[in-house]
């Protein structure tokens, strides 16, 4: 059975989003063009950034999603939160205990949600 291993985010400015994710992930893309950038992550997951106006067929606004980063414990969540605040990321919810673990939420320049959490 096929399992998802590739996430594509539609972005308004590939260059700006590539810079944002290069800094956030600490690695450059493995592929980059004016309309698309691709990051190969250590986990094996691939993260693509596709120019929204070039998506074929055009995408409509359907549901939302989050790109999630699981950490080992609440102390790591707090440390990463402080790092992202210092970098100027848009934090939309402070670290807090939730049903699934200790978590905070940020967003990228296009409003894609970035969830950081540590499971209980």
Protein backbone atom coordinates (compact mmCIF):
# COMPACT_ATOMS: atom_id res chain seq x y z
CA UNK A 1 0.00 0.00 0.00
CA UNK A 2 1.25 3.48 -0.83
CA UNK A 3 1.88 5.79 2.12
CA UNK A 4 2.25 9.58 1.96
CA UNK A 5 5.86 10.73 2.08
CA UNK A 6 5.70 14.04 0.20
CA UNK A 7 3.96 17.24 1.25
CA UNK A 8 3.48 20.20 -1.08
CA UNK A 9 2.60 23.67 0.21
CA UNK A 10 1.19 26.22 -2.24
CA UNK A 11 3.00 29.53 -1.78
CA UNK A 12 2.71 33.03 -3.20
CA UNK A 13 6.47 33.68 -3.43
CA UNK A 14 8.69 30.61 -3.93
CA UNK A 15 11.90 32.57 -3.31
CA UNK A 16 10.69 34.03 0.01
CA UNK A 17 9.26 30.70 1.15
CA UNK A 18 12.47 28.89 0.15
CA UNK A 19 14.47 31.33 2.27
CA UNK A 20 12.03 30.87 5.18
CA UNK A 21 12.19 27.05 5.08
CA UNK A 22 15.96 26.97 4.46
CA UNK A 23 16.39 28.93 7.69
CA UNK A 24 13.72 26.98 9.58
CA UNK A 25 14.95 23.53 8.54
CA UNK A 26 18.66 24.35 8.55
CA UNK A 27 19.19 22.97 5.05
CA UNK A 28 18.95 24.20 1.46
CA UNK A 29 16.51 22.76 -1.04
CA UNK A 30 17.68 19.85 -3.20
CA UNK A 31 15.83 21.37 -6.15
CA UNK A 32 14.88 24.99 -6.83
CA UNK A 33 13.33 26.86 -9.72
CA UNK A 34 11.25 30.04 -9.95
CA UNK A 35 8.04 28.03 -9.50
CA UNK A 36 9.04 25.16 -7.21
CA UNK A 37 11.49 24.19 -4.46
CA UNK A 38 12.02 20.78 -2.87
CA UNK A 39 13.52 19.91 0.51
CA UNK A 40 14.65 16.38 1.40
CA UNK A 41 14.30 15.93 5.15
CA UNK A 42 16.29 13.56 7.39
CA UNK A 43 13.11 11.62 8.16
CA UNK A 44 12.76 10.73 4.48
CA UNK A 45 9.84 13.09 3.99
CA UNK A 46 9.97 15.49 1.05
CA UNK A 47 8.62 19.03 1.38
CA UNK A 48 7.73 20.89 -1.79
CA UNK A 49 6.90 24.58 -2.22
CA UNK A 50 4.85 25.21 -5.37
CA UNK A 51 3.94 28.63 -6.73
CA UNK A 52 0.18 28.86 -6.05
CA UNK A 53 -0.55 30.63 -9.35
CA UNK A 54 1.16 27.80 -11.29
CA UNK A 55 -0.56 24.83 -9.62
CA UNK A 56 -2.25 22.59 -12.21
CA UNK A 57 -5.07 22.00 -12.11
CA UNK A 58 -5.69 25.17 -10.07
CA UNK A 59 -6.35 24.50 -6.40
CA UNK A 60 -9.35 25.88 -4.60
CA UNK A 61 -9.61 26.66 -0.92
CA UNK A 62 -10.49 23.35 0.70
CA UNK A 63 -9.75 22.56 4.37
CA UNK A 64 -6.60 23.33 6.25
CA UNK A 65 -3.62 21.39 7.49
CA UNK A 66 -0.58 21.67 9.73
CA UNK A 67 3.05 20.77 9.17
CA UNK A 68 3.97 19.15 12.49
CA UNK A 69 7.31 18.84 14.26
CA UNK A 70 7.39 16.26 17.07
CA UNK A 71 10.00 16.77 19.78
CA UNK A 72 11.08 14.55 22.67
CA UNK A 73 9.68 16.56 25.58
CA UNK A 74 8.13 19.82 26.79
CA UNK A 75 11.54 21.35 27.54
CA UNK A 76 12.51 20.98 23.86
CA UNK A 77 9.19 22.55 22.83
CA UNK A 78 9.90 25.53 25.08
CA UNK A 79 13.46 25.88 23.70
CA UNK A 80 12.27 25.77 20.08
CA UNK A 81 9.49 28.27 20.86
CA UNK A 82 12.10 30.70 22.24
CA UNK A 83 14.27 30.15 19.14
CA UNK A 84 11.38 30.79 16.74
CA UNK A 85 10.33 33.91 18.68
CA UNK A 86 13.93 35.19 18.45
CA UNK A 87 13.91 34.51 14.68
CA UNK A 88 10.71 36.53 14.31
CA UNK A 89 8.34 33.73 13.30
CA UNK A 90 4.65 34.51 13.63
CA UNK A 91 3.59 32.59 16.76
CA UNK A 92 -0.18 32.15 16.83
CA UNK A 93 -0.48 30.15 20.05
CA UNK A 94 1.93 30.00 22.97
CA UNK A 95 3.16 26.69 24.42
CA UNK A 96 0.33 24.95 26.26
CA UNK A 97 -0.78 21.52 27.33
CA UNK A 98 -3.31 19.99 24.91
CA UNK A 99 -5.02 16.59 24.71
CA UNK A 100 -2.26 15.20 22.44
CA UNK A 101 0.70 16.78 24.27
CA UNK A 102 2.55 20.01 25.00
CA UNK A 103 2.38 22.25 21.94
CA UNK A 104 2.67 25.65 20.29
CA UNK A 105 1.63 26.88 16.87
CA UNK A 106 3.36 29.22 14.41
CA UNK A 107 2.72 30.04 10.78
CA UNK A 108 4.85 30.56 7.70
CA UNK A 109 4.63 33.62 5.41
CA UNK A 110 1.66 32.08 3.54
CA UNK A 111 -0.25 31.24 6.71
CA UNK A 112 0.52 27.50 6.70
CA UNK A 113 0.37 26.27 10.27
CA UNK A 114 3.53 24.92 11.89
CA UNK A 115 2.70 22.77 14.93
CA UNK A 116 5.45 21.87 17.40
CA UNK A 117 4.58 19.29 20.06
CA UNK A 118 5.82 16.66 22.48
CA UNK A 119 3.48 13.73 23.06
CA UNK A 120 2.68 12.83 26.66
